[in-house]
PDB file of N, CA and C in Angstrom:
ATOM      1  N   UNK A   1    -111.216  -7.203   1.802  1.00  0.00           N
ATOM      2  CA  UNK A   1    -110.312  -6.084   1.569  1.00  0.00           C
ATOM      3  C   UNK A   1    -111.083  -4.775   1.394  1.00  0.00           C
ATOM      4  N   UNK A   2    -112.264  -4.800   0.808  1.00  0.00           N
ATOM      5  CA  UNK A   2    -113.002  -3.565   0.558  1.00  0.00           C
ATOM      6  C   UNK A   2    -113.397  -2.858   1.852  1.00  0.00           C
ATOM      7  N   UNK A   3    -113.499  -3.586   2.962  1.00  0.00           N
ATOM      8  CA  UNK A   3    -113.820  -2.947   4.231  1.00  0.00           C
ATOM      9  C   UNK A   3    -112.717  -1.992   4.680  1.00  0.00           C
ATOM     10  N   UNK A   4    -111.495  -2.152   4.161  1.00  0.00           N
ATOM     11  CA  UNK A   4    -110.383  -1.270   4.519  1.00  0.00           C
ATOM     12  C   UNK A   4    -110.407   0.045   3.754  1.00  0.00           C
ATOM     13  N   UNK A   5    -111.169   0.121   2.689  1.00  0.00           N
ATOM     14  CA  UNK A   5    -111.182   1.327   1.864  1.00  0.00           C
ATOM     15  C   UNK A   5    -111.619   2.568   2.634  1.00  0.00           C
ATOM     16  N   UNK A   6    -112.485   2.406   3.621  1.00  0.00           N
ATOM     17  CA  UNK A   6    -112.919   3.585   4.371  1.00  0.00           C
ATOM     18  C   UNK A   6    -111.790   4.184   5.191  1.00  0.00           C
ATOM     19  N   UNK A   7    -110.714   3.412   5.424  1.00  0.00           N
ATOM     20  CA  UNK A   7    -109.562   3.907   6.161  1.00  0.00           C
ATOM     21  C   UNK A   7    -108.444   4.415   5.255  1.00  0.00           C
ATOM     22  N   UNK A   8    -108.558   4.119   3.976  1.00  0.00           N
ATOM     23  CA  UNK A   8    -107.524   4.557   3.028  1.00  0.00           C
ATOM     24  C   UNK A   8    -107.646   6.053   2.817  1.00  0.00           C
ATOM     25  N   UNK A   9    -106.525   6.697   2.695  1.00  0.00           N
ATOM     26  CA  UNK A   9    -106.522   8.137   2.445  1.00  0.00           C
ATOM     27  C   UNK A   9    -106.056   8.365   1.015  1.00  0.00           C
ATOM     28  N   UNK A  10    -106.820   9.122   0.288  1.00  0.00           N
ATOM     29  CA  UNK A  10    -106.398   9.425  -1.074  1.00  0.00           C
ATOM     30  C   UNK A  10    -105.335  10.512  -1.019  1.00  0.00           C
ATOM     31  N   UNK A  11    -104.469  10.563  -2.019  1.00  0.00           N
ATOM     32  CA  UNK A  11    -103.453  11.616  -2.029  1.00  0.00           C
ATOM     33  C   UNK A  11    -104.110  12.991  -2.036  1.00  0.00           C
ATOM     34  N   UNK A  12    -103.452  13.924  -1.388  1.00  0.00           N
ATOM     35  CA  UNK A  12    -103.980  15.287  -1.352  1.00  0.00           C
ATOM     36  C   UNK A  12    -103.833  15.933  -2.718  1.00  0.00           C
ATOM     37  N   UNK A  13    -104.792  16.749  -3.052  1.00  0.00           N
ATOM     38  CA  UNK A  13    -104.688  17.529  -4.283  1.00  0.00           C
ATOM     39  C   UNK A  13    -105.082  18.963  -3.952  1.00  0.00           C
ATOM     40  N   UNK A  14    -104.755  19.860  -4.849  1.00  0.00           N
ATOM     41  CA  UNK A  14    -104.950  21.288  -4.590  1.00  0.00           C
ATOM     42  C   UNK A  14    -106.402  21.633  -4.281  1.00  0.00           C
ATOM     43  N   UNK A  15    -107.344  20.898  -4.846  1.00  0.00           N
ATOM     44  CA  UNK A  15    -108.743  21.256  -4.632  1.00  0.00           C
ATOM     45  C   UNK A  15    -109.248  20.930  -3.231  1.00  0.00           C
ATOM     46  N   UNK A  16    -108.564  20.070  -2.492  1.00  0.00           N
ATOM     47  CA  UNK A  16    -108.992  19.815  -1.123  1.00  0.00           C
ATOM     48  C   UNK A  16    -107.997  20.385  -0.114  1.00  0.00           C
ATOM     49  N   UNK A  17    -107.297  21.431  -0.521  1.00  0.00           N
ATOM     50  CA  UNK A  17    -106.330  22.073   0.365  1.00  0.00           C
ATOM     51  C   UNK A  17    -106.557  23.575   0.395  1.00  0.00           C
ATOM     52  N   UNK A  18    -106.457  24.130   1.578  1.00  0.00           N
ATOM     53  CA  UNK A  18    -106.479  25.590   1.704  1.00  0.00           C
ATOM     54  C   UNK A  18    -105.127  26.156   1.307  1.00  0.00           C
ATOM     55  N   UNK A  19    -104.084  25.417   1.638  1.00  0.00           N
ATOM     56  CA  UNK A  19    -102.735  25.753   1.191  1.00  0.00           C
ATOM     57  C   UNK A  19    -101.982  24.442   1.011  1.00  0.00           C
ATOM     58  N   UNK A  20    -101.242  24.359  -0.061  1.00  0.00           N
ATOM     59  CA  UNK A  20    -100.432  23.174  -0.352  1.00  0.00           C
ATOM     60  C   UNK A  20     -99.214  23.655  -1.125  1.00  0.00           C
ATOM     61  N   UNK A  21     -98.139  23.930  -0.401  1.00  0.00           N
ATOM     62  CA  UNK A  21     -96.958  24.516  -1.026  1.00  0.00           C
ATOM     63  C   UNK A  21     -95.683  23.847  -0.549  1.00  0.00           C
ATOM     64  N   UNK A  22     -94.765  23.764  -1.446  1.00  0.00           N
ATOM     65  CA  UNK A  22     -93.396  23.353  -1.148  1.00  0.00           C
ATOM     66  C   UNK A  22     -92.525  24.480  -1.702  1.00  0.00           C
ATOM     67  N   UNK A  23     -91.859  25.194  -0.796  1.00  0.00           N
ATOM     68  CA  UNK A  23     -91.116  26.386  -1.183  1.00  0.00           C
ATOM     69  C   UNK A  23     -89.631  26.164  -0.912  1.00  0.00           C
ATOM     70  N   UNK A  24     -88.827  26.355  -1.937  1.00  0.00           N
ATOM     71  CA  UNK A  24     -87.370  26.250  -1.774  1.00  0.00           C
ATOM     72  C   UNK A  24     -86.876  27.435  -0.953  1.00  0.00           C
ATOM     73  N   UNK A  25     -85.925  27.187  -0.069  1.00  0.00           N
ATOM     74  CA  UNK A  25     -85.416  28.241   0.803  1.00  0.00           C
ATOM     75  C   UNK A  25     -84.193  28.955   0.234  1.00  0.00           C
ATOM     76  N   UNK A  26     -83.551  28.376  -0.732  1.00  0.00           N
ATOM     77  CA  UNK A  26     -82.337  28.980  -1.287  1.00  0.00           C
ATOM     78  C   UNK A  26     -82.526  29.356  -2.748  1.00  0.00           C
ATOM     79  N   UNK A  27     -81.707  30.274  -3.182  1.00  0.00           N
ATOM     80  CA  UNK A  27     -81.653  30.578  -4.610  1.00  0.00           C
ATOM     81  C   UNK A  27     -81.102  29.343  -5.325  1.00  0.00           C
ATOM     82  N   UNK A  28     -81.430  29.177  -6.605  1.00  0.00           N
ATOM     83  CA  UNK A  28     -81.046  27.949  -7.314  1.00  0.00           C
ATOM     84  C   UNK A  28     -79.554  27.589  -7.214  1.00  0.00           C
ATOM     85  N   UNK A  29     -78.687  28.585  -7.269  1.00  0.00           N
ATOM     86  CA  UNK A  29     -77.251  28.279  -7.242  1.00  0.00           C
ATOM     87  C   UNK A  29     -76.763  27.795  -5.874  1.00  0.00           C
ATOM     88  N   UNK A  30     -77.583  27.956  -4.841  1.00  0.00           N
ATOM     89  CA  UNK A  30     -77.221  27.504  -3.496  1.00  0.00           C
ATOM     90  C   UNK A  30     -78.102  26.344  -3.023  1.00  0.00           C
ATOM     91  N   UNK A  31     -78.965  25.854  -3.890  1.00  0.00           N
ATOM     92  CA  UNK A  31     -79.960  24.873  -3.467  1.00  0.00           C
ATOM     93  C   UNK A  31     -79.334  23.518  -3.147  1.00  0.00           C
ATOM     94  N   UNK A  32     -79.563  23.090  -1.914  1.00  0.00           N
ATOM     95  CA  UNK A  32     -79.133  21.768  -1.485  1.00  0.00           C
ATOM     96  C   UNK A  32     -80.306  20.971  -0.953  1.00  0.00           C
ATOM     97  N   UNK A  33     -81.511  21.417  -1.255  1.00  0.00           N
ATOM     98  CA  UNK A  33     -82.703  20.711  -0.812  1.00  0.00           C
ATOM     99  C   UNK A  33     -83.444  21.373   0.331  1.00  0.00           C
ATOM    100  N   UNK A  34     -82.995  22.542   0.768  1.00  0.00           N
ATOM    101  CA  UNK A  34     -83.686  23.229   1.866  1.00  0.00           C
ATOM    102  C   UNK A  34     -85.047  23.724   1.376  1.00  0.00           C
ATOM    103  N   UNK A  35     -86.084  23.457   2.200  1.00  0.00           N
ATOM    104  CA  UNK A  35     -87.422  23.860   1.791  1.00  0.00           C
ATOM    105  C   UNK A  35     -88.340  23.973   2.991  1.00  0.00           C
ATOM    106  N   UNK A  36     -89.478  24.632   2.746  1.00  0.00           N
ATOM    107  CA  UNK A  36     -90.576  24.675   3.696  1.00  0.00           C
ATOM    108  C   UNK A  36     -91.753  23.998   3.010  1.00  0.00           C
ATOM    109  N   UNK A  37     -92.367  23.074   3.716  1.00  0.00           N
ATOM    110  CA  UNK A  37     -93.537  22.365   3.184  1.00  0.00           C
ATOM    111  C   UNK A  37     -94.709  22.708   4.084  1.00  0.00           C
ATOM    112  N   UNK A  38     -95.742  23.299   3.508  1.00  0.00           N
ATOM    113  CA  UNK A  38     -96.934  23.639   4.261  1.00  0.00           C
ATOM    114  C   UNK A  38     -98.159  23.009   3.599  1.00  0.00           C
ATOM    115  N   UNK A  39     -99.036  22.482   4.427  1.00  0.00           N
ATOM    116  CA  UNK A  39    -100.267  21.888   3.927  1.00  0.00           C
ATOM    117  C   UNK A  39    -101.353  22.060   4.975  1.00  0.00           C
ATOM    118  N   UNK A  40    -102.474  22.631   4.560  1.00  0.00           N
ATOM    119  CA  UNK A  40    -103.663  22.713   5.406  1.00  0.00           C
ATOM    120  C   UNK A  40    -104.823  22.199   4.566  1.00  0.00           C
ATOM    121  N   UNK A  41    -105.384  21.099   5.005  1.00  0.00           N
ATOM    122  CA  UNK A  41    -106.503  20.486   4.298  1.00  0.00           C
ATOM    123  C   UNK A  41    -107.760  21.334   4.441  1.00  0.00           C
ATOM    124  N   UNK A  42    -108.531  21.419   3.383  1.00  0.00           N
ATOM    125  CA  UNK A  42    -109.821  22.099   3.402  1.00  0.00           C
ATOM    126  C   UNK A  42    -110.895  21.052   3.687  1.00  0.00           C
ATOM    127  N   UNK A  43    -111.493  21.120   4.857  1.00  0.00           N
ATOM    128  CA  UNK A  43    -112.513  20.135   5.237  1.00  0.00           C
ATOM    129  C   UNK A  43    -113.938  20.672   5.065  1.00  0.00           C
ATOM    130  N   UNK A  44    -114.090  21.788   4.365  1.00  0.00           N
ATOM    131  CA  UNK A  44    -115.415  22.409   4.253  1.00  0.00           C
ATOM    132  C   UNK A  44    -116.441  21.506   3.572  1.00  0.00           C
ATOM    133  N   UNK A  45    -116.009  20.589   2.733  1.00  0.00           N
ATOM    134  CA  UNK A  45    -116.950  19.687   2.057  1.00  0.00           C
ATOM    135  C   UNK A  45    -117.226  18.425   2.866  1.00  0.00           C
ATOM    136  N   UNK A  46    -116.517  18.234   3.961  1.00  0.00           N
ATOM    137  CA  UNK A  46    -116.714  17.040   4.791  1.00  0.00           C
ATOM    138  C   UNK A  46    -117.798  17.307   5.825  1.00  0.00           C
ATOM    139  N   UNK A  47    -118.622  16.323   6.049  1.00  0.00           N
ATOM    140  CA  UNK A  47    -119.713  16.444   7.016  1.00  0.00           C
ATOM    141  C   UNK A  47    -119.312  15.799   8.341  1.00  0.00           C
ATOM    142  N   UNK A  48    -119.687  16.431   9.442  1.00  0.00           N
ATOM    143  CA  UNK A  48    -119.434  15.807  10.744  1.00  0.00           C
ATOM    144  C   UNK A  48    -120.233  14.514  10.875  1.00  0.00           C
ATOM    145  N   UNK A  49    -119.692  13.581  11.600  1.00  0.00           N
ATOM    146  CA  UNK A  49    -120.436  12.361  11.911  1.00  0.00           C
ATOM    147  C   UNK A  49    -120.974  12.485  13.325  1.00  0.00           C
ATOM    148  N   UNK A  50    -121.723  11.516  13.730  1.00  0.00           N
ATOM    149  CA  UNK A  50    -122.271  11.537  15.081  1.00  0.00           C
ATOM    150  C   UNK A  50    -121.161  11.464  16.131  1.00  0.00           C
ATOM    151  N   UNK A  51    -120.038  10.855  15.767  1.00  0.00           N
ATOM    152  CA  UNK A  51    -118.968  10.618  16.734  1.00  0.00           C
ATOM    153  C   UNK A  51    -117.763  11.533  16.582  1.00  0.00           C
ATOM    154  N   UNK A  52    -117.647  12.211  15.445  1.00  0.00           N
ATOM    155  CA  UNK A  52    -116.424  13.009  15.248  1.00  0.00           C
ATOM    156  C   UNK A  52    -116.664  14.161  14.284  1.00  0.00           C
ATOM    157  N   UNK A  53    -115.926  15.233  14.522  1.00  0.00           N
ATOM    158  CA  UNK A  53    -115.898  16.358  13.592  1.00  0.00           C
ATOM    159  C   UNK A  53    -114.741  16.144  12.619  1.00  0.00           C
ATOM    160  N   UNK A  54    -114.863  16.653  11.403  1.00  0.00           N
ATOM    161  CA  UNK A  54    -113.738  16.529  10.466  1.00  0.00           C
ATOM    162  C   UNK A  54    -112.519  17.265  11.003  1.00  0.00           C
ATOM    163  N   UNK A  55    -111.414  16.600  11.022  1.00  0.00           N
ATOM    164  CA  UNK A  55    -110.175  17.195  11.518  1.00  0.00           C
ATOM    165  C   UNK A  55    -109.190  17.283  10.352  1.00  0.00           C
ATOM    166  N   UNK A  56    -108.724  18.476  10.031  1.00  0.00           N
ATOM    167  CA  UNK A  56    -107.867  18.623   8.854  1.00  0.00           C
ATOM    168  C   UNK A  56    -106.462  18.079   9.076  1.00  0.00           C
ATOM    169  N   UNK A  57    -105.855  17.683   7.975  1.00  0.00           N
ATOM    170  CA  UNK A  57    -104.431  17.364   7.982  1.00  0.00           C
ATOM    171  C   UNK A  57    -103.690  18.693   7.968  1.00  0.00           C
ATOM    172  N   UNK A  58    -102.740  18.847   8.886  1.00  0.00           N
ATOM    173  CA  UNK A  58    -101.977  20.087   9.019  1.00  0.00           C
ATOM    174  C   UNK A  58    -100.497  19.736   9.032  1.00  0.00           C
ATOM    175  N   UNK A  59     -99.721  20.330   8.127  1.00  0.00           N
ATOM    176  CA  UNK A  59     -98.286  20.044   8.075  1.00  0.00           C
ATOM    177  C   UNK A  59     -97.486  21.324   7.943  1.00  0.00           C
ATOM    178  N   UNK A  60     -96.460  21.428   8.747  1.00  0.00           N
ATOM    179  CA  UNK A  60     -95.450  22.470   8.581  1.00  0.00           C
ATOM    180  C   UNK A  60     -94.113  21.780   8.806  1.00  0.00           C
ATOM    181  N   UNK A  61     -93.369  21.636   7.730  1.00  0.00           N
ATOM    182  CA  UNK A  61     -92.070  20.969   7.790  1.00  0.00           C
ATOM    183  C   UNK A  61     -91.018  21.908   7.215  1.00  0.00           C
ATOM    184  N   UNK A  62     -89.936  22.080   7.934  1.00  0.00           N
ATOM    185  CA  UNK A  62     -88.818  22.920   7.497  1.00  0.00           C
ATOM    186  C   UNK A  62     -87.597  22.028   7.431  1.00  0.00           C
ATOM    187  N   UNK A  63     -86.921  22.050   6.288  1.00  0.00           N
ATOM    188  CA  UNK A  63     -85.743  21.193   6.149  1.00  0.00           C
ATOM    189  C   UNK A  63     -84.631  21.936   5.434  1.00  0.00           C
ATOM    190  N   UNK A  64     -83.414  21.552   5.785  1.00  0.00           N
ATOM    191  CA  UNK A  64     -82.260  21.981   5.007  1.00  0.00           C
ATOM    192  C   UNK A  64     -81.640  20.707   4.446  1.00  0.00           C
ATOM    193  N   UNK A  65     -80.433  20.779   3.956  1.00  0.00           N
ATOM    194  CA  UNK A  65     -79.872  19.585   3.328  1.00  0.00           C
ATOM    195  C   UNK A  65     -79.533  18.480   4.332  1.00  0.00           C
ATOM    196  N   UNK A  66     -79.458  18.799   5.620  1.00  0.00           N
ATOM    197  CA  UNK A  66     -79.075  17.802   6.619  1.00  0.00           C
ATOM    198  C   UNK A  66     -80.167  17.511   7.655  1.00  0.00           C
ATOM    199  N   UNK A  67     -80.982  18.483   7.992  1.00  0.00           N
ATOM    200  CA  UNK A  67     -81.922  18.355   9.100  1.00  0.00           C
ATOM    201  C   UNK A  67     -83.345  18.672   8.657  1.00  0.00           C
ATOM    202  N   UNK A  68     -84.295  18.194   9.470  1.00  0.00           N
ATOM    203  CA  UNK A  68     -85.696  18.444   9.180  1.00  0.00           C
ATOM    204  C   UNK A  68     -86.461  18.525  10.491  1.00  0.00           C
ATOM    205  N   UNK A  69     -87.363  19.497  10.561  1.00  0.00           N
ATOM    206  CA  UNK A  69     -88.285  19.550  11.700  1.00  0.00           C
ATOM    207  C   UNK A  69     -89.699  19.585  11.159  1.00  0.00           C
ATOM    208  N   UNK A  70     -90.589  18.932  11.863  1.00  0.00           N
ATOM    209  CA  UNK A  70     -92.005  18.969  11.522  1.00  0.00           C
ATOM    210  C   UNK A  70     -92.739  19.379  12.782  1.00  0.00           C
ATOM    211  N   UNK A  71     -93.483  20.468  12.682  1.00  0.00           N
ATOM    212  CA  UNK A  71     -94.201  20.992  13.830  1.00  0.00           C
ATOM    213  C   UNK A  71     -95.638  20.484  13.822  1.00  0.00           C
ATOM    214  N   UNK A  72     -96.166  20.272  15.009  1.00  0.00           N
ATOM    215  CA  UNK A  72     -97.530  19.774  15.151  1.00  0.00           C
ATOM    216  C   UNK A  72     -98.490  20.916  15.456  1.00  0.00           C
ATOM    217  N   UNK A  73     -99.667  20.827  14.857  1.00  0.00           N
ATOM    218  CA  UNK A  73    -100.736  21.787  15.079  1.00  0.00           C
ATOM    219  C   UNK A  73    -102.033  21.001  15.198  1.00  0.00           C
ATOM    220  N   UNK A  74    -102.990  21.534  15.936  1.00  0.00           N
ATOM    221  CA  UNK A  74    -104.242  20.815  16.138  1.00  0.00           C
ATOM    222  C   UNK A  74    -105.410  21.788  16.264  1.00  0.00           C
ATOM    223  N   UNK A  75    -106.595  21.305  15.898  1.00  0.00           N
ATOM    224  CA  UNK A  75    -107.814  22.113  15.966  1.00  0.00           C
ATOM    225  C   UNK A  75    -108.897  21.479  16.837  1.00  0.00           C
ATOM    226  N   UNK A  76    -108.600  20.372  17.496  1.00  0.00           N
ATOM    227  CA  UNK A  76    -109.616  19.562  18.149  1.00  0.00           C
ATOM    228  C   UNK A  76    -110.215  20.144  19.435  1.00  0.00           C
ATOM    229  N   UNK A  77    -109.651  21.210  19.947  1.00  0.00           N
ATOM    230  CA  UNK A  77    -110.250  21.886  21.110  1.00  0.00           C
ATOM    231  C   UNK A  77    -109.877  23.357  21.043  1.00  0.00           C
ATOM    232  N   UNK A  78    -110.585  24.163  21.809  1.00  0.00           N
ATOM    233  CA  UNK A  78    -110.282  25.599  21.835  1.00  0.00           C
ATOM    234  C   UNK A  78    -108.861  25.845  22.325  1.00  0.00           C
ATOM    235  N   UNK A  79    -108.442  25.089  23.330  1.00  0.00           N
ATOM    236  CA  UNK A  79    -107.081  25.253  23.865  1.00  0.00           C
ATOM    237  C   UNK A  79    -106.029  24.866  22.828  1.00  0.00           C
ATOM    238  N   UNK A  80    -106.261  23.783  22.096  1.00  0.00           N
ATOM    239  CA  UNK A  80    -105.312  23.364  21.055  1.00  0.00           C
ATOM    240  C   UNK A  80    -105.269  24.381  19.918  1.00  0.00           C
ATOM    241  N   UNK A  81    -106.418  24.900  19.513  1.00  0.00           N
ATOM    242  CA  UNK A  81    -106.445  25.908  18.449  1.00  0.00           C
ATOM    243  C   UNK A  81    -105.698  27.158  18.892  1.00  0.00           C
ATOM    244  N   UNK A  82    -105.960  27.598  20.119  1.00  0.00           N
ATOM    245  CA  UNK A  82    -105.285  28.774  20.651  1.00  0.00           C
ATOM    246  C   UNK A  82    -103.772  28.554  20.707  1.00  0.00           C
ATOM    247  N   UNK A  83    -103.361  27.388  21.168  1.00  0.00           N
ATOM    248  CA  UNK A  83    -101.933  27.109  21.246  1.00  0.00           C
ATOM    249  C   UNK A  83    -101.299  27.037  19.858  1.00  0.00           C
ATOM    250  N   UNK A  84    -101.995  26.455  18.893  1.00  0.00           N
ATOM    251  CA  UNK A  84    -101.458  26.380  17.530  1.00  0.00           C
ATOM    252  C   UNK A  84    -101.269  27.771  16.941  1.00  0.00           C
ATOM    253  N   UNK A  85    -102.249  28.647  17.125  1.00  0.00           N
ATOM    254  CA  UNK A  85    -102.117  30.024  16.636  1.00  0.00           C
ATOM    255  C   UNK A  85    -101.001  30.761  17.374  1.00  0.00           C
ATOM    256  N   UNK A  86    -100.875  30.511  18.676  1.00  0.00           N
ATOM    257  CA  UNK A  86     -99.779  31.091  19.462  1.00  0.00           C
ATOM    258  C   UNK A  86     -98.431  30.626  18.910  1.00  0.00           C
ATOM    259  N   UNK A  87     -98.326  29.346  18.580  1.00  0.00           N
ATOM    260  CA  UNK A  87     -97.086  28.792  18.038  1.00  0.00           C
ATOM    261  C   UNK A  87     -96.730  29.467  16.707  1.00  0.00           C
ATOM    262  N   UNK A  88     -97.732  29.648  15.849  1.00  0.00           N
ATOM    263  CA  UNK A  88     -97.499  30.297  14.556  1.00  0.00           C
ATOM    264  C   UNK A  88     -97.066  31.753  14.760  1.00  0.00           C
ATOM    265  N   UNK A  89     -97.762  32.480  15.620  1.00  0.00           N
ATOM    266  CA  UNK A  89     -97.404  33.876  15.891  1.00  0.00           C
ATOM    267  C   UNK A  89     -96.007  33.994  16.488  1.00  0.00           C
ATOM    268  N   UNK A  90     -95.649  33.065  17.371  1.00  0.00           N
ATOM    269  CA  UNK A  90     -94.325  33.056  17.978  1.00  0.00           C
ATOM    270  C   UNK A  90     -93.246  32.815  16.931  1.00  0.00           C
ATOM    271  N   UNK A  91     -93.500  31.879  16.019  1.00  0.00           N
ATOM    272  CA  UNK A  91     -92.551  31.625  14.928  1.00  0.00           C
ATOM    273  C   UNK A  91     -92.364  32.861  14.053  1.00  0.00           C
ATOM    274  N   UNK A  92     -93.479  33.504  13.697  1.00  0.00           N
ATOM    275  CA  UNK A  92     -93.398  34.710  12.865  1.00  0.00           C
ATOM    276  C   UNK A  92     -92.602  35.807  13.558  1.00  0.00           C
ATOM    277  N   UNK A  93     -92.847  36.019  14.846  1.00  0.00           N
ATOM    278  CA  UNK A  93     -92.129  37.051  15.599  1.00  0.00           C
ATOM    279  C   UNK A  93     -90.645  36.714  15.702  1.00  0.00           C
ATOM    280  N   UNK A  94     -90.335  35.447  15.968  1.00  0.00           N
ATOM    281  CA  UNK A  94     -88.929  35.035  16.070  1.00  0.00           C
ATOM    282  C   UNK A  94     -88.220  35.222  14.732  1.00  0.00           C
ATOM    283  N   UNK A  95     -88.884  34.881  13.640  1.00  0.00           N
ATOM    284  CA  UNK A  95     -88.277  35.061  12.315  1.00  0.00           C
ATOM    285  C   UNK A  95     -88.089  36.536  11.988  1.00  0.00           C
ATOM    286  N   UNK A  96     -89.059  37.373  12.353  1.00  0.00           N
ATOM    287  CA  UNK A  96     -88.918  38.813  12.105  1.00  0.00           C
ATOM    288  C   UNK A  96     -87.739  39.381  12.894  1.00  0.00           C
ATOM    289  N   UNK A  97     -87.606  38.976  14.144  1.00  0.00           N
ATOM    290  CA  UNK A  97     -86.474  39.421  14.953  1.00  0.00           C
ATOM    291  C   UNK A  97     -85.152  38.929  14.402  1.00  0.00           C
ATOM    292  N   UNK A  98     -85.127  37.670  13.987  1.00  0.00           N
ATOM    293  CA  UNK A  98     -83.916  37.096  13.411  1.00  0.00           C
ATOM    294  C   UNK A  98     -83.534  37.835  12.133  1.00  0.00           C
ATOM    295  N   UNK A  99     -84.533  38.137  11.290  1.00  0.00           N
ATOM    296  CA  UNK A  99     -84.254  38.836  10.033  1.00  0.00           C
ATOM    297  C   UNK A  99     -83.665  40.217  10.294  1.00  0.00           C
ATOM    298  N   UNK A 100     -84.253  40.951  11.234  1.00  0.00           N
ATOM    299  CA  UNK A 100     -83.762  42.301  11.544  1.00  0.00           C
ATOM    300  C   UNK A 100     -82.329  42.245  12.076  1.00  0.00           C
ATOM    301  N   UNK A 101     -82.051  41.320  12.984  1.00  0.00           N
ATOM    302  CA  UNK A 101     -80.701  41.192  13.534  1.00  0.00           C
ATOM    303  C   UNK A 101     -79.713  40.731  12.466  1.00  0.00           C
ATOM    304  N   UNK A 102     -80.141  39.810  11.616  1.00  0.00           N
ATOM    305  CA  UNK A 102     -79.278  39.337  10.531  1.00  0.00           C
ATOM    306  C   UNK A 102     -78.956  40.475   9.572  1.00  0.00           C
ATOM    307  N   UNK A 103     -79.964  41.253   9.195  1.00  0.00           N
ATOM    308  CA  UNK A 103     -79.748  42.371   8.273  1.00  0.00           C
ATOM    309  C   UNK A 103     -78.747  43.362   8.853  1.00  0.00           C
ATOM    310  N   UNK A 104     -78.846  43.638  10.151  1.00  0.00           N
ATOM    311  CA  UNK A 104     -77.899  44.559  10.801  1.00  0.00           C
ATOM    312  C   UNK A 104     -76.477  43.988  10.768  1.00  0.00           C
ATOM    313  N   UNK A 105     -76.328  42.721  11.085  1.00  0.00           N
ATOM    314  CA  UNK A 105     -75.003  42.094  11.060  1.00  0.00           C
ATOM    315  C   UNK A 105     -74.449  41.999   9.636  1.00  0.00           C
ATOM    316  N   UNK A 106     -75.313  41.706   8.671  1.00  0.00           N
ATOM    317  CA  UNK A 106     -74.873  41.628   7.273  1.00  0.00           C
ATOM    318  C   UNK A 106     -74.393  42.994   6.789  1.00  0.00           C
ATOM    319  N   UNK A 107     -75.106  44.065   7.154  1.00  0.00           N
ATOM    320  CA  UNK A 107     -74.694  45.415   6.773  1.00  0.00           C
ATOM    321  C   UNK A 107     -73.362  45.773   7.422  1.00  0.00           C
ATOM    322  N   UNK A 108     -73.186  45.441   8.695  1.00  0.00           N
ATOM    323  CA  UNK A 108     -71.926  45.695   9.382  1.00  0.00           C
ATOM    324  C   UNK A 108     -70.787  44.922   8.736  1.00  0.00           C
ATOM    325  N   UNK A 109     -71.028  43.691   8.374  1.00  0.00           N
ATOM    326  CA  UNK A 109     -70.009  42.872   7.721  1.00  0.00           C
ATOM    327  C   UNK A 109     -69.602  43.495   6.380  1.00  0.00           C
ATOM    328  N   UNK A 110     -70.607  43.958   5.619  1.00  0.00           N
ATOM    329  CA  UNK A 110     -70.324  44.573   4.319  1.00  0.00           C
ATOM    330  C   UNK A 110     -69.467  45.825   4.486  1.00  0.00           C
ATOM    331  N   UNK A 111     -69.765  46.647   5.503  1.00  0.00           N
ATOM    332  CA  UNK A 111     -68.955  47.844   5.774  1.00  0.00           C
ATOM    333  C   UNK A 111     -67.527  47.442   6.107  1.00  0.00           C
ATOM    334  N   UNK A 112     -67.346  46.489   6.971  1.00  0.00           N
ATOM    335  CA  UNK A 112     -66.005  46.025   7.337  1.00  0.00           C
ATOM    336  C   UNK A 112     -65.275  45.420   6.146  1.00  0.00           C
ATOM    337  N   UNK A 113     -66.012  44.726   5.300  1.00  0.00           N
ATOM    338  CA  UNK A 113     -65.427  44.115   4.111  1.00  0.00           C
ATOM    339  C   UNK A 113     -64.897  45.192   3.158  1.00  0.00           C
ATOM    340  N   UNK A 114     -65.685  46.268   2.978  1.00  0.00           N
ATOM    341  CA  UNK A 114     -65.253  47.367   2.101  1.00  0.00           C
ATOM    342  C   UNK A 114     -64.018  48.077   2.654  1.00  0.00           C
ATOM    343  N   UNK A 115     -63.972  48.256   3.963  1.00  0.00           N
ATOM    344  CA  UNK A 115     -62.813  48.927   4.595  1.00  0.00           C
ATOM    345  C   UNK A 115     -61.546  48.095   4.450  1.00  0.00           C
ATOM    346  N   UNK A 116     -61.712  46.810   4.426  1.00  0.00           N
ATOM    347  CA  UNK A 116     -60.571  45.891   4.372  1.00  0.00           C
ATOM    348  C   UNK A 116     -59.880  45.899   3.000  1.00  0.00           C
ATOM    349  N   UNK A 117     -60.628  46.193   1.975  1.00  0.00           N
ATOM    350  CA  UNK A 117     -60.057  46.131   0.611  1.00  0.00           C
ATOM    351  C   UNK A 117     -59.571  47.462   0.116  1.00  0.00           C
TER     352      UNK A 117
END
């Protein structure tokens, strides 16, 4: 059984993570379990072996009370790293655009709501 220990993974802790956060997406009165879970392992203390470089655990999971998505990211090649950064930048841009459009619609709704009463 001890030969399997080299394959066992210990639970992650803050000291071996560059980021390890679970962030609620709603205010407490609206919370139904929606959250963003991000984890990037810090491999700076790990040494490369003759056959492999240390590859970090990377997690980005977004969930609401009914659905969950987990996005994949990788660092194992220049193309994968570039694509992962592209994916992150694309998400940020899409969220910024969504926020701006939402804010405009929310303001319009508030104006219409005031006129109605």
